[in-house]
N, C-alpha and C. Protein backbone atom coordinates (compact mmCIF):
# COMPACT_ATOMS: atom_id res chain seq x y z
N MET A 1 37.29 51.63 -30.15
CA MET A 1 37.75 52.65 -29.26
C MET A 1 36.68 52.93 -28.20
N ASN A 2 37.07 52.87 -26.97
CA ASN A 2 36.09 53.04 -25.90
C ASN A 2 36.14 54.42 -25.25
N GLY A 3 36.93 55.35 -25.84
CA GLY A 3 36.99 56.70 -25.29
C GLY A 3 38.00 56.88 -24.17
N GLU A 4 38.75 55.84 -23.85
CA GLU A 4 39.78 55.97 -22.83
C GLU A 4 41.07 56.39 -23.50
N TRP A 5 41.57 57.57 -23.11
CA TRP A 5 42.76 58.12 -23.72
C TRP A 5 43.95 57.95 -22.80
N ILE A 6 45.13 57.99 -23.37
CA ILE A 6 46.34 58.05 -22.56
C ILE A 6 46.28 59.36 -21.78
N THR A 7 46.48 59.28 -20.48
CA THR A 7 46.44 60.48 -19.63
C THR A 7 47.64 60.48 -18.71
N GLY A 8 47.87 61.59 -18.10
CA GLY A 8 48.95 61.73 -17.14
C GLY A 8 48.55 62.69 -16.05
N LEU A 9 49.48 62.96 -15.17
CA LEU A 9 49.26 63.92 -14.09
C LEU A 9 50.33 65.00 -14.17
N THR A 10 49.92 66.22 -13.92
CA THR A 10 50.90 67.30 -13.81
C THR A 10 51.59 67.20 -12.46
N ARG A 11 52.62 67.97 -12.29
CA ARG A 11 53.32 67.97 -11.00
C ARG A 11 52.39 68.36 -9.88
N GLY A 12 51.40 69.20 -10.17
CA GLY A 12 50.44 69.63 -9.18
C GLY A 12 49.30 68.64 -8.94
N GLY A 13 49.30 67.53 -9.69
CA GLY A 13 48.30 66.50 -9.48
C GLY A 13 47.08 66.59 -10.38
N ALA A 14 47.05 67.57 -11.28
CA ALA A 14 45.91 67.70 -12.20
C ALA A 14 46.03 66.66 -13.32
N HIS A 15 44.90 66.15 -13.75
CA HIS A 15 44.89 65.21 -14.86
C HIS A 15 45.15 65.95 -16.17
N TRP A 16 45.88 65.30 -17.07
CA TRP A 16 46.27 65.92 -18.33
C TRP A 16 46.18 64.87 -19.43
N THR A 17 45.56 65.23 -20.54
CA THR A 17 45.47 64.34 -21.70
C THR A 17 46.38 64.90 -22.79
N PRO A 18 47.51 64.26 -23.05
CA PRO A 18 48.40 64.75 -24.10
C PRO A 18 47.75 64.61 -25.48
N THR A 19 48.09 65.52 -26.37
CA THR A 19 47.63 65.41 -27.75
C THR A 19 48.86 65.19 -28.63
N PHE A 20 48.89 64.07 -29.30
CA PHE A 20 50.04 63.65 -30.09
C PHE A 20 49.92 64.15 -31.52
N VAL A 21 51.06 64.48 -32.13
CA VAL A 21 51.05 64.96 -33.51
C VAL A 21 50.56 63.83 -34.43
N THR A 22 49.59 64.15 -35.28
CA THR A 22 49.03 63.15 -36.19
C THR A 22 49.37 63.45 -37.64
N THR A 23 49.40 64.74 -38.00
CA THR A 23 49.74 65.13 -39.37
C THR A 23 50.50 66.45 -39.36
N LEU A 24 51.20 66.68 -40.45
CA LEU A 24 51.89 67.93 -40.68
C LEU A 24 51.62 68.31 -42.13
N ASP A 25 51.01 69.47 -42.35
CA ASP A 25 50.66 69.91 -43.70
C ASP A 25 51.90 70.50 -44.38
N GLY A 26 52.53 69.69 -45.22
CA GLY A 26 53.75 70.11 -45.90
C GLY A 26 53.53 71.24 -46.90
N ASN A 27 52.32 71.40 -47.37
CA ASN A 27 52.05 72.49 -48.31
C ASN A 27 51.99 73.85 -47.60
N ARG A 28 51.71 73.83 -46.31
CA ARG A 28 51.72 75.08 -45.52
C ARG A 28 53.10 75.34 -44.92
N CYS A 29 53.88 74.29 -44.73
CA CYS A 29 55.18 74.40 -44.07
C CYS A 29 56.14 75.28 -44.87
N ILE A 30 56.83 76.19 -44.16
CA ILE A 30 57.80 77.07 -44.79
C ILE A 30 59.24 76.64 -44.52
N GLY A 31 59.42 75.50 -43.86
CA GLY A 31 60.75 74.98 -43.62
C GLY A 31 61.58 75.78 -42.63
N CYS A 32 60.93 76.45 -41.69
CA CYS A 32 61.64 77.32 -40.75
C CYS A 32 62.41 76.53 -39.69
N GLY A 33 61.99 75.30 -39.39
CA GLY A 33 62.68 74.47 -38.42
C GLY A 33 62.33 74.71 -36.98
N ARG A 34 61.35 75.57 -36.70
CA ARG A 34 60.99 75.86 -35.31
C ARG A 34 60.50 74.62 -34.58
N CYS A 35 59.66 73.82 -35.23
CA CYS A 35 59.15 72.61 -34.58
C CYS A 35 60.27 71.61 -34.33
N PHE A 36 61.20 71.51 -35.27
CA PHE A 36 62.34 70.62 -35.12
C PHE A 36 63.17 71.02 -33.90
N LYS A 37 63.39 72.32 -33.74
CA LYS A 37 64.22 72.81 -32.64
C LYS A 37 63.57 72.64 -31.28
N VAL A 38 62.24 72.78 -31.22
CA VAL A 38 61.55 72.73 -29.92
C VAL A 38 61.20 71.30 -29.50
N CYS A 39 61.16 70.37 -30.43
CA CYS A 39 60.75 68.99 -30.11
C CYS A 39 61.83 68.28 -29.28
N PRO A 40 61.47 67.78 -28.09
CA PRO A 40 62.45 67.10 -27.25
C PRO A 40 62.71 65.65 -27.66
N ARG A 41 61.97 65.14 -28.64
CA ARG A 41 62.07 63.71 -28.97
C ARG A 41 62.47 63.42 -30.42
N GLN A 42 62.89 64.41 -31.17
CA GLN A 42 63.33 64.24 -32.55
C GLN A 42 62.26 63.57 -33.42
N VAL A 43 61.04 64.07 -33.31
CA VAL A 43 59.91 63.54 -34.07
C VAL A 43 59.97 64.01 -35.53
N PHE A 44 60.57 65.17 -35.79
CA PHE A 44 60.54 65.78 -37.12
C PHE A 44 61.89 65.69 -37.82
N ASP A 45 61.84 65.88 -39.15
CA ASP A 45 63.05 65.93 -39.95
C ASP A 45 62.83 66.91 -41.08
N LEU A 46 63.84 67.68 -41.43
CA LEU A 46 63.77 68.64 -42.51
C LEU A 46 64.24 67.97 -43.80
N LYS A 47 63.41 68.06 -44.83
CA LYS A 47 63.72 67.41 -46.11
C LYS A 47 63.68 68.42 -47.24
N ASP A 48 64.35 68.08 -48.31
CA ASP A 48 64.27 68.85 -49.54
C ASP A 48 62.86 68.68 -50.09
N ARG A 49 62.18 69.79 -50.34
CA ARG A 49 60.78 69.76 -50.80
C ARG A 49 60.61 68.87 -52.04
N GLU A 50 61.57 68.90 -52.93
CA GLU A 50 61.46 68.12 -54.17
C GLU A 50 61.47 66.62 -53.92
N SER A 51 61.96 66.19 -52.75
CA SER A 51 62.02 64.76 -52.46
C SER A 51 60.74 64.23 -51.81
N VAL A 52 59.78 65.13 -51.51
CA VAL A 52 58.53 64.73 -50.87
C VAL A 52 57.41 64.83 -51.90
N PRO A 53 56.91 63.71 -52.41
CA PRO A 53 55.90 63.73 -53.46
C PRO A 53 54.60 64.41 -53.04
N GLY A 54 53.98 65.10 -53.99
CA GLY A 54 52.66 65.68 -53.77
C GLY A 54 52.64 67.06 -53.16
N LEU A 55 53.80 67.64 -52.88
CA LEU A 55 53.83 68.97 -52.26
C LEU A 55 53.99 70.05 -53.32
N LEU A 56 53.50 71.25 -53.00
CA LEU A 56 53.75 72.39 -53.87
C LEU A 56 55.25 72.59 -53.96
N GLY A 57 55.73 72.80 -55.16
CA GLY A 57 57.16 73.00 -55.34
C GLY A 57 57.92 71.71 -55.55
N SER A 58 57.27 70.55 -55.38
CA SER A 58 57.95 69.29 -55.68
C SER A 58 57.79 69.02 -57.17
N GLU A 59 58.45 68.00 -57.64
CA GLU A 59 58.43 67.71 -59.07
C GLU A 59 57.03 67.44 -59.59
N ASP A 60 56.15 66.84 -58.78
CA ASP A 60 54.81 66.52 -59.26
C ASP A 60 53.74 67.47 -58.72
N GLY A 61 54.15 68.54 -58.02
CA GLY A 61 53.20 69.53 -57.51
C GLY A 61 53.39 70.86 -58.21
N GLU A 62 52.54 71.80 -57.90
CA GLU A 62 52.66 73.12 -58.49
C GLU A 62 53.56 73.99 -57.62
N ASP A 63 54.22 74.94 -58.23
CA ASP A 63 55.06 75.87 -57.49
C ASP A 63 54.31 77.19 -57.36
N ASP A 64 53.66 77.42 -56.23
CA ASP A 64 52.79 78.58 -56.05
C ASP A 64 53.07 79.23 -54.69
N TRP A 65 54.24 79.85 -54.54
CA TRP A 65 54.63 80.45 -53.27
C TRP A 65 54.17 81.88 -53.19
N GLU A 66 53.75 82.29 -52.01
CA GLU A 66 53.36 83.67 -51.77
C GLU A 66 54.29 84.26 -50.73
N GLU A 67 54.59 85.53 -50.87
CA GLU A 67 55.39 86.22 -49.87
C GLU A 67 54.52 86.45 -48.63
N ASP A 68 54.99 86.05 -47.46
CA ASP A 68 54.19 86.21 -46.25
C ASP A 68 54.96 86.89 -45.12
N GLY A 69 56.17 87.33 -45.38
CA GLY A 69 56.92 88.05 -44.35
C GLY A 69 57.74 87.17 -43.44
N PHE A 70 57.64 85.85 -43.55
CA PHE A 70 58.43 84.96 -42.72
C PHE A 70 59.75 84.65 -43.41
N SER A 71 60.78 84.48 -42.61
CA SER A 71 62.06 84.03 -43.15
C SER A 71 61.93 82.54 -43.37
N ASP A 72 61.96 82.13 -44.63
CA ASP A 72 61.74 80.73 -44.93
C ASP A 72 62.63 80.27 -46.07
N ASP A 73 62.70 78.98 -46.24
CA ASP A 73 63.40 78.37 -47.35
C ASP A 73 62.39 77.54 -48.11
N PRO A 74 61.89 78.04 -49.25
CA PRO A 74 60.84 77.32 -49.97
C PRO A 74 61.32 75.99 -50.53
N HIS A 75 62.62 75.70 -50.41
CA HIS A 75 63.14 74.45 -50.92
C HIS A 75 63.13 73.34 -49.87
N MET A 76 62.83 73.70 -48.61
CA MET A 76 62.84 72.72 -47.53
C MET A 76 61.44 72.60 -46.93
N VAL A 77 61.16 71.44 -46.36
CA VAL A 77 59.87 71.18 -45.72
C VAL A 77 60.10 70.21 -44.56
N MET A 78 59.33 70.40 -43.50
CA MET A 78 59.42 69.51 -42.35
C MET A 78 58.49 68.32 -42.58
N ILE A 79 58.93 67.15 -42.15
CA ILE A 79 58.10 65.95 -42.20
C ILE A 79 58.08 65.31 -40.81
N ILE A 80 57.08 64.48 -40.57
CA ILE A 80 57.05 63.68 -39.35
C ILE A 80 57.93 62.47 -39.62
N HIS A 81 59.03 62.40 -38.91
CA HIS A 81 60.01 61.34 -39.12
C HIS A 81 59.75 60.14 -38.20
N ASN A 82 59.36 60.41 -36.95
CA ASN A 82 59.18 59.33 -35.99
C ASN A 82 58.02 59.67 -35.05
N ALA A 83 56.80 59.50 -35.53
CA ALA A 83 55.60 59.84 -34.75
C ALA A 83 55.50 59.05 -33.46
N ASP A 84 56.05 57.85 -33.42
CA ASP A 84 55.95 57.02 -32.23
C ASP A 84 56.72 57.59 -31.04
N ASP A 85 57.64 58.53 -31.28
CA ASP A 85 58.39 59.15 -30.19
C ASP A 85 57.73 60.41 -29.64
N CYS A 86 56.61 60.84 -30.24
CA CYS A 86 55.91 62.03 -29.77
C CYS A 86 55.39 61.80 -28.34
N ILE A 87 55.61 62.79 -27.46
CA ILE A 87 55.15 62.68 -26.07
C ILE A 87 53.87 63.47 -25.83
N GLY A 88 53.35 64.14 -26.87
CA GLY A 88 52.07 64.83 -26.74
C GLY A 88 52.14 66.19 -26.10
N CYS A 89 53.28 66.83 -26.12
CA CYS A 89 53.41 68.15 -25.48
C CYS A 89 52.84 69.28 -26.34
N ALA A 90 52.74 69.07 -27.65
CA ALA A 90 52.22 70.04 -28.62
C ALA A 90 53.05 71.31 -28.70
N ALA A 91 54.30 71.28 -28.26
CA ALA A 91 55.18 72.45 -28.38
C ALA A 91 55.36 72.84 -29.84
N CYS A 92 55.37 71.86 -30.72
CA CYS A 92 55.55 72.14 -32.15
C CYS A 92 54.44 73.05 -32.68
N SER A 93 53.23 72.81 -32.25
CA SER A 93 52.10 73.64 -32.70
C SER A 93 52.20 75.06 -32.16
N ARG A 94 52.69 75.19 -30.96
CA ARG A 94 52.77 76.53 -30.36
C ARG A 94 53.81 77.41 -31.04
N VAL A 95 54.85 76.82 -31.62
CA VAL A 95 55.89 77.63 -32.26
C VAL A 95 55.71 77.75 -33.78
N CYS A 96 54.82 77.01 -34.36
CA CYS A 96 54.65 77.01 -35.81
C CYS A 96 53.90 78.27 -36.28
N PRO A 97 54.55 79.09 -37.12
CA PRO A 97 53.88 80.31 -37.59
C PRO A 97 52.80 80.04 -38.64
N LYS A 98 52.77 78.85 -39.21
CA LYS A 98 51.82 78.53 -40.27
C LYS A 98 50.75 77.53 -39.85
N ARG A 99 50.77 77.12 -38.58
CA ARG A 99 49.78 76.17 -38.05
C ARG A 99 49.68 74.90 -38.90
N CYS A 100 50.82 74.28 -39.10
CA CYS A 100 50.91 73.09 -39.96
C CYS A 100 50.53 71.79 -39.26
N HIS A 101 50.61 71.75 -37.93
CA HIS A 101 50.47 70.50 -37.18
C HIS A 101 49.04 70.25 -36.73
N LYS A 102 48.65 68.99 -36.76
CA LYS A 102 47.37 68.55 -36.18
C LYS A 102 47.70 67.54 -35.09
N HIS A 103 46.92 67.61 -34.00
CA HIS A 103 47.16 66.75 -32.84
C HIS A 103 45.85 66.10 -32.40
N ALA A 104 45.98 64.98 -31.73
CA ALA A 104 44.81 64.29 -31.19
C ALA A 104 45.24 63.46 -29.99
N PRO A 105 44.31 63.23 -29.04
CA PRO A 105 44.62 62.29 -27.96
C PRO A 105 44.76 60.89 -28.55
N TRP A 106 45.42 60.02 -27.82
CA TRP A 106 45.66 58.66 -28.32
C TRP A 106 44.98 57.66 -27.41
N PRO A 107 44.29 56.68 -28.01
CA PRO A 107 43.60 55.68 -27.17
C PRO A 107 44.60 54.80 -26.43
N MET A 108 44.16 54.33 -25.26
CA MET A 108 45.01 53.43 -24.46
C MET A 108 45.05 52.06 -25.09
């Protein structure tokens, strides 16, 4: 990696480095669907928590939910379904109440 990232220009001509979704912490995810709704490229998919191995509340994880005041479905969790379609807008991170998403620039 030589430090050259995928970049773009805003309508005003400013340089912009998109940050693409790299991970989603399913143990923090409350299954609210906000990231799914805001994503313009269908990067995410909502799954039954029990079908995703290694998560809290799945068959092989612990069930340790805390009340946090959010309207959630502890039986559902968001996953990254198609990371290659991410355009780097990071809208998913801005709407996520649990800060589940991690983003990074992508090398050219």
